[in-house]
Amino acid sequence: HREVLAQYDVMTVGEMPGANVEEA
């Protein structure tokens, strides 16, 4: 995020098998 995404107005969605609500 610091190195790349913060410089743009973009969306990100992470595919995360095994992620539960607390991790999300």
mmCIF file of all heavy atoms, coordinates in Angstrom:
data_MODEL
# 
_entry.id   MODEL 
# 
loop_
_atom_site.group_PDB 
_atom_site.id 
_atom_site.type_symbol 
_atom_site.label_atom_id 
_atom_site.label_alt_id 
_atom_site.label_comp_id 
_atom_site.label_asym_id 
_atom_site.label_entity_id 
_atom_site.label_seq_id 
_atom_site.pdbx_PDB_ins_code 
_atom_site.Cartn_x 
_atom_site.Cartn_y 
_atom_site.Cartn_z 
_atom_site.occupancy 
_atom_site.B_iso_or_equiv 
_atom_site.pdbx_formal_charge 
_atom_site.auth_seq_id 
_atom_site.auth_comp_id 
_atom_site.auth_asym_id 
_atom_site.auth_atom_id 
_atom_site.pdbx_PDB_model_num 
ATOM 1   N N   . HIS A 1 1  ? 0.836   -1.199  0.000   1.00 0.00 ? 1  HIS A N   1 
ATOM 2   C CA  . HIS A 1 1  ? 0.000   0.000   0.000   1.00 0.00 ? 1  HIS A CA  1 
ATOM 3   C C   . HIS A 1 1  ? 0.875   1.254   0.000   1.00 0.00 ? 1  HIS A C   1 
ATOM 4   O O   . HIS A 1 1  ? 0.671   2.175   -0.797  1.00 0.00 ? 1  HIS A O   1 
ATOM 5   C CB  . HIS A 1 1  ? -0.944  -0.006  1.203   1.00 0.00 ? 1  HIS A CB  1 
ATOM 6   C CG  . HIS A 1 1  ? -1.967  1.085   1.132   1.00 0.00 ? 1  HIS A CG  1 
ATOM 7   N ND1 . HIS A 1 1  ? -1.735  2.352   1.615   1.00 0.00 ? 1  HIS A ND1 1 
ATOM 8   C CD2 . HIS A 1 1  ? -3.208  1.112   0.602   1.00 0.00 ? 1  HIS A CD2 1 
ATOM 9   C CE1 . HIS A 1 1  ? -2.796  3.106   1.387   1.00 0.00 ? 1  HIS A CE1 1 
ATOM 10  N NE2 . HIS A 1 1  ? -3.710  2.375   0.778   1.00 0.00 ? 1  HIS A NE2 1 
ATOM 11  N N   . ARG A 1 2  ? 1.861   1.276   0.890   1.00 0.00 ? 2  ARG A N   1 
ATOM 12  C CA  . ARG A 1 2  ? 2.772   2.438   0.988   1.00 0.00 ? 2  ARG A CA  1 
ATOM 13  C C   . ARG A 1 2  ? 3.519   2.666   -0.315  1.00 0.00 ? 2  ARG A C   1 
ATOM 14  O O   . ARG A 1 2  ? 3.591   3.772   -0.825  1.00 0.00 ? 2  ARG A O   1 
ATOM 15  C CB  . ARG A 1 2  ? 3.812   2.185   2.089   1.00 0.00 ? 2  ARG A CB  1 
ATOM 16  C CG  . ARG A 1 2  ? 3.437   2.659   3.453   1.00 0.00 ? 2  ARG A CG  1 
ATOM 17  C CD  . ARG A 1 2  ? 4.649   2.724   4.385   1.00 0.00 ? 2  ARG A CD  1 
ATOM 18  N NE  . ARG A 1 2  ? 5.571   1.597   4.303   1.00 0.00 ? 2  ARG A NE  1 
ATOM 19  C CZ  . ARG A 1 2  ? 5.405   0.434   4.956   1.00 0.00 ? 2  ARG A CZ  1 
ATOM 20  N NH1 . ARG A 1 2  ? 4.354   0.225   5.705   1.00 0.00 ? 2  ARG A NH1 1 
ATOM 21  N NH2 . ARG A 1 2  ? 6.308   -0.519  4.839   1.00 0.00 ? 2  ARG A NH2 1 
ATOM 22  N N   . GLU A 1 3  ? 4.075   1.601   -0.845  1.00 0.00 ? 3  GLU A N   1 
ATOM 23  C CA  . GLU A 1 3  ? 4.958   1.705   -2.010  1.00 0.00 ? 3  GLU A CA  1 
ATOM 24  C C   . GLU A 1 3  ? 4.192   1.981   -3.299  1.00 0.00 ? 3  GLU A C   1 
ATOM 25  O O   . GLU A 1 3  ? 4.725   2.586   -4.226  1.00 0.00 ? 3  GLU A O   1 
ATOM 26  C CB  . GLU A 1 3  ? 5.758   0.401   -2.181  1.00 0.00 ? 3  GLU A CB  1 
ATOM 27  C CG  . GLU A 1 3  ? 6.728   0.107   -1.059  1.00 0.00 ? 3  GLU A CG  1 
ATOM 28  C CD  . GLU A 1 3  ? 7.977   0.966   -1.139  1.00 0.00 ? 3  GLU A CD  1 
ATOM 29  O OE1 . GLU A 1 3  ? 8.493   1.148   -2.251  1.00 0.00 ? 3  GLU A OE1 1 
ATOM 30  O OE2 . GLU A 1 3  ? 8.403   1.476   -0.089  1.00 0.00 ? 3  GLU A OE2 1 
ATOM 31  N N   . VAL A 1 4  ? 2.943   1.491   -3.386  1.00 0.00 ? 4  VAL A N   1 
ATOM 32  C CA  . VAL A 1 4  ? 2.230   1.540   -4.668  1.00 0.00 ? 4  VAL A CA  1 
ATOM 33  C C   . VAL A 1 4  ? 0.846   2.160   -4.541  1.00 0.00 ? 4  VAL A C   1 
ATOM 34  O O   . VAL A 1 4  ? 0.569   3.218   -5.093  1.00 0.00 ? 4  VAL A O   1 
ATOM 35  C CB  . VAL A 1 4  ? 2.074   0.114   -5.274  1.00 0.00 ? 4  VAL A CB  1 
ATOM 36  C CG1 . VAL A 1 4  ? 1.411   0.193   -6.647  1.00 0.00 ? 4  VAL A CG1 1 
ATOM 37  C CG2 . VAL A 1 4  ? 3.410   -0.598  -5.360  1.00 0.00 ? 4  VAL A CG2 1 
ATOM 38  N N   . LEU A 1 5  ? -0.040  1.479   -3.841  1.00 0.00 ? 5  LEU A N   1 
ATOM 39  C CA  . LEU A 1 5  ? -1.479  1.763   -3.952  1.00 0.00 ? 5  LEU A CA  1 
ATOM 40  C C   . LEU A 1 5  ? -1.859  3.147   -3.445  1.00 0.00 ? 5  LEU A C   1 
ATOM 41  O O   . LEU A 1 5  ? -2.787  3.767   -3.967  1.00 0.00 ? 5  LEU A O   1 
ATOM 42  C CB  . LEU A 1 5  ? -2.277  0.686   -3.208  1.00 0.00 ? 5  LEU A CB  1 
ATOM 43  C CG  . LEU A 1 5  ? -2.067  -0.731  -3.765  1.00 0.00 ? 5  LEU A CG  1 
ATOM 44  C CD1 . LEU A 1 5  ? -2.617  -1.777  -2.802  1.00 0.00 ? 5  LEU A CD1 1 
ATOM 45  C CD2 . LEU A 1 5  ? -2.731  -0.878  -5.135  1.00 0.00 ? 5  LEU A CD2 1 
ATOM 46  N N   . ALA A 1 6  ? -1.141  3.636   -2.435  1.00 0.00 ? 6  ALA A N   1 
ATOM 47  C CA  . ALA A 1 6  ? -1.485  4.930   -1.838  1.00 0.00 ? 6  ALA A CA  1 
ATOM 48  C C   . ALA A 1 6  ? -1.404  6.065   -2.854  1.00 0.00 ? 6  ALA A C   1 
ATOM 49  O O   . ALA A 1 6  ? -2.029  7.109   -2.674  1.00 0.00 ? 6  ALA A O   1 
ATOM 50  C CB  . ALA A 1 6  ? -0.559  5.214   -0.649  1.00 0.00 ? 6  ALA A CB  1 
ATOM 51  N N   . GLN A 1 7  ? -0.664  5.844   -3.946  1.00 0.00 ? 7  GLN A N   1 
ATOM 52  C CA  . GLN A 1 7  ? -0.483  6.918   -4.929  1.00 0.00 ? 7  GLN A CA  1 
ATOM 53  C C   . GLN A 1 7  ? -1.592  6.960   -5.994  1.00 0.00 ? 7  GLN A C   1 
ATOM 54  O O   . GLN A 1 7  ? -1.540  7.784   -6.903  1.00 0.00 ? 7  GLN A O   1 
ATOM 55  C CB  . GLN A 1 7  ? 0.873   6.761   -5.628  1.00 0.00 ? 7  GLN A CB  1 
ATOM 56  C CG  . GLN A 1 7  ? 2.033   7.156   -4.721  1.00 0.00 ? 7  GLN A CG  1 
ATOM 57  C CD  . GLN A 1 7  ? 2.998   6.009   -4.481  1.00 0.00 ? 7  GLN A CD  1 
ATOM 58  O OE1 . GLN A 1 7  ? 3.597   5.494   -5.415  1.00 0.00 ? 7  GLN A OE1 1 
ATOM 59  N NE2 . GLN A 1 7  ? 3.152   5.603   -3.225  1.00 0.00 ? 7  GLN A NE2 1 
ATOM 60  N N   . TYR A 1 8  ? -2.577  6.070   -5.876  1.00 0.00 ? 8  TYR A N   1 
ATOM 61  C CA  . TYR A 1 8  ? -3.614  5.977   -6.919  1.00 0.00 ? 8  TYR A CA  1 
ATOM 62  C C   . TYR A 1 8  ? -4.997  5.840   -6.266  1.00 0.00 ? 8  TYR A C   1 
ATOM 63  O O   . TYR A 1 8  ? -5.109  5.340   -5.159  1.00 0.00 ? 8  TYR A O   1 
ATOM 64  C CB  . TYR A 1 8  ? -3.374  4.738   -7.800  1.00 0.00 ? 8  TYR A CB  1 
ATOM 65  C CG  . TYR A 1 8  ? -2.011  4.658   -8.437  1.00 0.00 ? 8  TYR A CG  1 
ATOM 66  C CD1 . TYR A 1 8  ? -0.931  4.090   -7.746  1.00 0.00 ? 8  TYR A CD1 1 
ATOM 67  C CD2 . TYR A 1 8  ? -1.785  5.127   -9.734  1.00 0.00 ? 8  TYR A CD2 1 
ATOM 68  C CE1 . TYR A 1 8  ? 0.337   4.003   -8.325  1.00 0.00 ? 8  TYR A CE1 1 
ATOM 69  C CE2 . TYR A 1 8  ? -0.529  5.036   -10.326 1.00 0.00 ? 8  TYR A CE2 1 
ATOM 70  C CZ  . TYR A 1 8  ? 0.528   4.481   -9.622  1.00 0.00 ? 8  TYR A CZ  1 
ATOM 71  O OH  . TYR A 1 8  ? 1.769   4.386   -10.197 1.00 0.00 ? 8  TYR A OH  1 
ATOM 72  N N   . ASP A 1 9  ? -6.051  6.276   -6.987  1.00 0.00 ? 9  ASP A N   1 
ATOM 73  C CA  . ASP A 1 9  ? -7.413  6.067   -6.507  1.00 0.00 ? 9  ASP A CA  1 
ATOM 74  C C   . ASP A 1 9  ? -7.940  4.774   -7.122  1.00 0.00 ? 9  ASP A C   1 
ATOM 75  O O   . ASP A 1 9  ? -8.564  4.782   -8.184  1.00 0.00 ? 9  ASP A O   1 
ATOM 76  C CB  . ASP A 1 9  ? -8.316  7.250   -6.904  1.00 0.00 ? 9  ASP A CB  1 
ATOM 77  C CG  . ASP A 1 9  ? -9.772  7.008   -6.521  1.00 0.00 ? 9  ASP A CG  1 
ATOM 78  O OD1 . ASP A 1 9  ? -10.018 6.208   -5.586  1.00 0.00 ? 9  ASP A OD1 1 
ATOM 79  O OD2 . ASP A 1 9  ? -10.668 7.588   -7.165  1.00 0.00 ? 9  ASP A OD2 1 
ATOM 80  N N   . VAL A 1 10 ? -7.633  3.673   -6.467  1.00 0.00 ? 10 VAL A N   1 
ATOM 81  C CA  . VAL A 1 10 ? -7.969  2.364   -7.039  1.00 0.00 ? 10 VAL A CA  1 
ATOM 82  C C   . VAL A 1 10 ? -8.627  1.480   -5.988  1.00 0.00 ? 10 VAL A C   1 
ATOM 83  O O   . VAL A 1 10 ? -8.596  1.782   -4.797  1.00 0.00 ? 10 VAL A O   1 
ATOM 84  C CB  . VAL A 1 10 ? -6.709  1.652   -7.597  1.00 0.00 ? 10 VAL A CB  1 
ATOM 85  C CG1 . VAL A 1 10 ? -6.166  2.404   -8.800  1.00 0.00 ? 10 VAL A CG1 1 
ATOM 86  C CG2 . VAL A 1 10 ? -5.640  1.482   -6.526  1.00 0.00 ? 10 VAL A CG2 1 
ATOM 87  N N   . MET A 1 11 ? -9.209  0.372   -6.445  1.00 0.00 ? 11 MET A N   1 
ATOM 88  C CA  . MET A 1 11 ? -9.786  -0.608  -5.517  1.00 0.00 ? 11 MET A CA  1 
ATOM 89  C C   . MET A 1 11 ? -8.954  -1.882  -5.527  1.00 0.00 ? 11 MET A C   1 
ATOM 90  O O   . MET A 1 11 ? -8.309  -2.215  -6.526  1.00 0.00 ? 11 MET A O   1 
ATOM 91  C CB  . MET A 1 11 ? -11.239 -0.919  -5.865  1.00 0.00 ? 11 MET A CB  1 
ATOM 92  C CG  . MET A 1 11 ? -11.440 -1.671  -7.158  1.00 0.00 ? 11 MET A CG  1 
ATOM 93  S SD  . MET A 1 11 ? -13.054 -2.516  -7.250  1.00 0.00 ? 11 MET A SD  1 
ATOM 94  C CE  . MET A 1 11 ? -12.682 -4.063  -6.418  1.00 0.00 ? 11 MET A CE  1 
ATOM 95  N N   . THR A 1 12 ? -8.991  -2.569  -4.400  1.00 0.00 ? 12 THR A N   1 
ATOM 96  C CA  . THR A 1 12 ? -8.286  -3.844  -4.292  1.00 0.00 ? 12 THR A CA  1 
ATOM 97  C C   . THR A 1 12 ? -9.191  -4.858  -3.613  1.00 0.00 ? 12 THR A C   1 
ATOM 98  O O   . THR A 1 12 ? -9.873  -4.542  -2.640  1.00 0.00 ? 12 THR A O   1 
ATOM 99  C CB  . THR A 1 12 ? -6.999  -3.716  -3.458  1.00 0.00 ? 12 THR A CB  1 
ATOM 100 O OG1 . THR A 1 12 ? -7.321  -3.076  -2.206  1.00 0.00 ? 12 THR A OG1 1 
ATOM 101 C CG2 . THR A 1 12 ? -5.951  -2.900  -4.185  1.00 0.00 ? 12 THR A CG2 1 
ATOM 102 N N   . VAL A 1 13 ? -9.201  -6.061  -4.151  1.00 0.00 ? 13 VAL A N   1 
ATOM 103 C CA  . VAL A 1 13 ? -9.902  -7.166  -3.496  1.00 0.00 ? 13 VAL A CA  1 
ATOM 104 C C   . VAL A 1 13 ? -8.930  -8.332  -3.438  1.00 0.00 ? 13 VAL A C   1 
ATOM 105 O O   . VAL A 1 13 ? -8.339  -8.712  -4.445  1.00 0.00 ? 13 VAL A O   1 
ATOM 106 C CB  . VAL A 1 13 ? -11.223 -7.529  -4.216  1.00 0.00 ? 13 VAL A CB  1 
ATOM 107 C CG1 . VAL A 1 13 ? -11.030 -7.795  -5.708  1.00 0.00 ? 13 VAL A CG1 1 
ATOM 108 C CG2 . VAL A 1 13 ? -11.901 -8.735  -3.549  1.00 0.00 ? 13 VAL A CG2 1 
ATOM 109 N N   . GLY A 1 14 ? -8.718  -8.844  -2.228  1.00 0.00 ? 14 GLY A N   1 
ATOM 110 C CA  . GLY A 1 14 ? -7.775  -9.939  -2.038  1.00 0.00 ? 14 GLY A CA  1 
ATOM 111 C C   . GLY A 1 14 ? -8.501  -11.273 -1.979  1.00 0.00 ? 14 GLY A C   1 
ATOM 112 O O   . GLY A 1 14 ? -9.397  -11.454 -1.155  1.00 0.00 ? 14 GLY A O   1 
ATOM 113 N N   . GLU A 1 15 ? -8.133  -12.201 -2.872  1.00 0.00 ? 15 GLU A N   1 
ATOM 114 C CA  . GLU A 1 15 ? -8.660  -13.564 -2.752  1.00 0.00 ? 15 GLU A CA  1 
ATOM 115 C C   . GLU A 1 15 ? -7.942  -14.235 -1.595  1.00 0.00 ? 15 GLU A C   1 
ATOM 116 O O   . GLU A 1 15 ? -6.717  -14.348 -1.604  1.00 0.00 ? 15 GLU A O   1 
ATOM 117 C CB  . GLU A 1 15 ? -8.413  -14.350 -4.050  1.00 0.00 ? 15 GLU A CB  1 
ATOM 118 C CG  . GLU A 1 15 ? -9.008  -15.749 -3.980  1.00 0.00 ? 15 GLU A CG  1 
ATOM 119 C CD  . GLU A 1 15 ? -8.461  -16.698 -5.042  1.00 0.00 ? 15 GLU A CD  1 
ATOM 120 O OE1 . GLU A 1 15 ? -7.298  -16.549 -5.468  1.00 0.00 ? 15 GLU A OE1 1 
ATOM 121 O OE2 . GLU A 1 15 ? -9.212  -17.608 -5.430  1.00 0.00 ? 15 GLU A OE2 1 
ATOM 122 N N   . MET A 1 16 ? -8.710  -14.670 -0.573  1.00 0.00 ? 16 MET A N   1 
ATOM 123 C CA  . MET A 1 16 ? -8.080  -15.158 0.653   1.00 0.00 ? 16 MET A CA  1 
ATOM 124 C C   . MET A 1 16 ? -8.741  -16.425 1.185   1.00 0.00 ? 16 MET A C   1 
ATOM 125 O O   . MET A 1 16 ? -9.530  -16.378 2.134   1.00 0.00 ? 16 MET A O   1 
ATOM 126 C CB  . MET A 1 16 ? -8.107  -14.058 1.711   1.00 0.00 ? 16 MET A CB  1 
ATOM 127 C CG  . MET A 1 16 ? -7.323  -12.824 1.296   1.00 0.00 ? 16 MET A CG  1 
ATOM 128 S SD  . MET A 1 16 ? -7.029  -11.725 2.685   1.00 0.00 ? 16 MET A SD  1 
ATOM 129 C CE  . MET A 1 16 ? -6.076  -10.420 1.903   1.00 0.00 ? 16 MET A CE  1 
ATOM 130 N N   . PRO A 1 17 ? -8.408  -17.568 0.593   1.00 0.00 ? 17 PRO A N   1 
ATOM 131 C CA  . PRO A 1 17 ? -8.921  -18.823 1.145   1.00 0.00 ? 17 PRO A CA  1 
ATOM 132 C C   . PRO A 1 17 ? -8.473  -18.953 2.606   1.00 0.00 ? 17 PRO A C   1 
ATOM 133 O O   . PRO A 1 17 ? -7.357  -18.577 2.954   1.00 0.00 ? 17 PRO A O   1 
ATOM 134 C CB  . PRO A 1 17 ? -8.247  -19.900 0.291   1.00 0.00 ? 17 PRO A CB  1 
ATOM 135 C CG  . PRO A 1 17 ? -7.790  -19.204 -0.947  1.00 0.00 ? 17 PRO A CG  1 
ATOM 136 C CD  . PRO A 1 17 ? -7.515  -17.788 -0.553  1.00 0.00 ? 17 PRO A CD  1 
ATOM 137 N N   . GLY A 1 18 ? -9.370  -19.463 3.440   1.00 0.00 ? 18 GLY A N   1 
ATOM 138 C CA  . GLY A 1 18 ? -8.992  -19.684 4.836   1.00 0.00 ? 18 GLY A CA  1 
ATOM 139 C C   . GLY A 1 18 ? -9.031  -18.449 5.716   1.00 0.00 ? 18 GLY A C   1 
ATOM 140 O O   . GLY A 1 18 ? -8.694  -18.519 6.894   1.00 0.00 ? 18 GLY A O   1 
ATOM 141 N N   . ALA A 1 19 ? -9.432  -17.296 5.171   1.00 0.00 ? 19 ALA A N   1 
ATOM 142 C CA  . ALA A 1 19 ? -9.546  -16.090 6.014   1.00 0.00 ? 19 ALA A CA  1 
ATOM 143 C C   . ALA A 1 19 ? -10.900 -16.109 6.714   1.00 0.00 ? 19 ALA A C   1 
ATOM 144 O O   . ALA A 1 19 ? -11.927 -16.352 6.088   1.00 0.00 ? 19 ALA A O   1 
ATOM 145 C CB  . ALA A 1 19 ? -9.419  -14.833 5.167   1.00 0.00 ? 19 ALA A CB  1 
ATOM 146 N N   . ASN A 1 20 ? -10.889 -15.866 8.042   1.00 0.00 ? 20 ASN A N   1 
ATOM 147 C CA  . ASN A 1 20 ? -12.149 -15.788 8.778   1.00 0.00 ? 20 ASN A CA  1 
ATOM 148 C C   . ASN A 1 20 ? -12.516 -14.323 9.022   1.00 0.00 ? 20 ASN A C   1 
ATOM 149 O O   . ASN A 1 20 ? -11.798 -13.413 8.599   1.00 0.00 ? 20 ASN A O   1 
ATOM 150 C CB  . ASN A 1 20 ? -12.062 -16.589 10.086  1.00 0.00 ? 20 ASN A CB  1 
ATOM 151 C CG  . ASN A 1 20 ? -10.981 -16.043 11.017  1.00 0.00 ? 20 ASN A CG  1 
ATOM 152 O OD1 . ASN A 1 20 ? -10.671 -14.852 10.999  1.00 0.00 ? 20 ASN A OD1 1 
ATOM 153 N ND2 . ASN A 1 20 ? -10.402 -16.913 11.835  1.00 0.00 ? 20 ASN A ND2 1 
ATOM 154 N N   . VAL A 1 21 ? -13.633 -14.107 9.702   1.00 0.00 ? 21 VAL A N   1 
ATOM 155 C CA  . VAL A 1 21 ? -14.129 -12.737 9.881   1.00 0.00 ? 21 VAL A CA  1 
ATOM 156 C C   . VAL A 1 21 ? -13.113 -11.871 10.617  1.00 0.00 ? 21 VAL A C   1 
ATOM 157 O O   . VAL A 1 21 ? -12.866 -10.717 10.235  1.00 0.00 ? 21 VAL A O   1 
ATOM 158 C CB  . VAL A 1 21 ? -15.475 -12.735 10.643  1.00 0.00 ? 21 VAL A CB  1 
ATOM 159 C CG1 . VAL A 1 21 ? -15.884 -11.323 11.017  1.00 0.00 ? 21 VAL A CG1 1 
ATOM 160 C CG2 . VAL A 1 21 ? -16.565 -13.372 9.797   1.00 0.00 ? 21 VAL A CG2 1 
ATOM 161 N N   . GLU A 1 22 ? -12.515 -12.418 11.670  1.00 0.00 ? 22 GLU A N   1 
ATOM 162 C CA  . GLU A 1 22 ? -11.574 -11.610 12.469  1.00 0.00 ? 22 GLU A CA  1 
ATOM 163 C C   . GLU A 1 22 ? -10.370 -11.202 11.629  1.00 0.00 ? 22 GLU A C   1 
ATOM 164 O O   . GLU A 1 22 ? -9.895  -10.067 11.704  1.00 0.00 ? 22 GLU A O   1 
ATOM 165 C CB  . GLU A 1 22 ? -11.131 -12.383 13.729  1.00 0.00 ? 22 GLU A CB  1 
ATOM 166 C CG  . GLU A 1 22 ? -12.254 -12.602 14.745  1.00 0.00 ? 22 GLU A CG  1 
ATOM 167 C CD  . GLU A 1 22 ? -13.059 -11.326 15.026  1.00 0.00 ? 22 GLU A CD  1 
ATOM 168 O OE1 . GLU A 1 22 ? -12.437 -10.278 15.326  1.00 0.00 ? 22 GLU A OE1 1 
ATOM 169 O OE2 . GLU A 1 22 ? -14.298 -11.354 14.946  1.00 0.00 ? 22 GLU A OE2 1 
ATOM 170 N N   . GLU A 1 23 ? -9.872  -12.137 10.806  1.00 0.00 ? 23 GLU A N   1 
ATOM 171 C CA  . GLU A 1 23 ? -8.744  -11.797 9.932   1.00 0.00 ? 23 GLU A CA  1 
ATOM 172 C C   . GLU A 1 23 ? -9.178  -10.787 8.866   1.00 0.00 ? 23 GLU A C   1 
ATOM 173 O O   . GLU A 1 23 ? -8.442  -9.849  8.553   1.00 0.00 ? 23 GLU A O   1 
ATOM 174 C CB  . GLU A 1 23 ? -8.200  -13.074 9.275   1.00 0.00 ? 23 GLU A CB  1 
ATOM 175 C CG  . GLU A 1 23 ? -7.374  -13.901 10.243  1.00 0.00 ? 23 GLU A CG  1 
ATOM 176 C CD  . GLU A 1 23 ? -7.313  -15.385 9.903   1.00 0.00 ? 23 GLU A CD  1 
ATOM 177 O OE1 . GLU A 1 23 ? -8.158  -15.870 9.128   1.00 0.00 ? 23 GLU A OE1 1 
ATOM 178 O OE2 . GLU A 1 23 ? -6.429  -16.043 10.448  1.00 0.00 ? 23 GLU A OE2 1 
ATOM 179 N N   . ALA A 1 24 ? -10.392 -10.971 8.328   1.00 0.00 ? 24 ALA A N   1 
ATOM 180 C CA  . ALA A 1 24 ? -10.884 -10.059 7.293   1.00 0.00 ? 24 ALA A CA  1 
ATOM 181 C C   . ALA A 1 24 ? -11.020 -8.636  7.834   1.00 0.00 ? 24 ALA A C   1 
ATOM 182 O O   . ALA A 1 24 ? -10.813 -7.669  7.103   1.00 0.00 ? 24 ALA A O   1 
ATOM 183 C CB  . ALA A 1 24 ? -12.223 -10.554 6.752   1.00 0.00 ? 24 ALA A CB  1 
# 
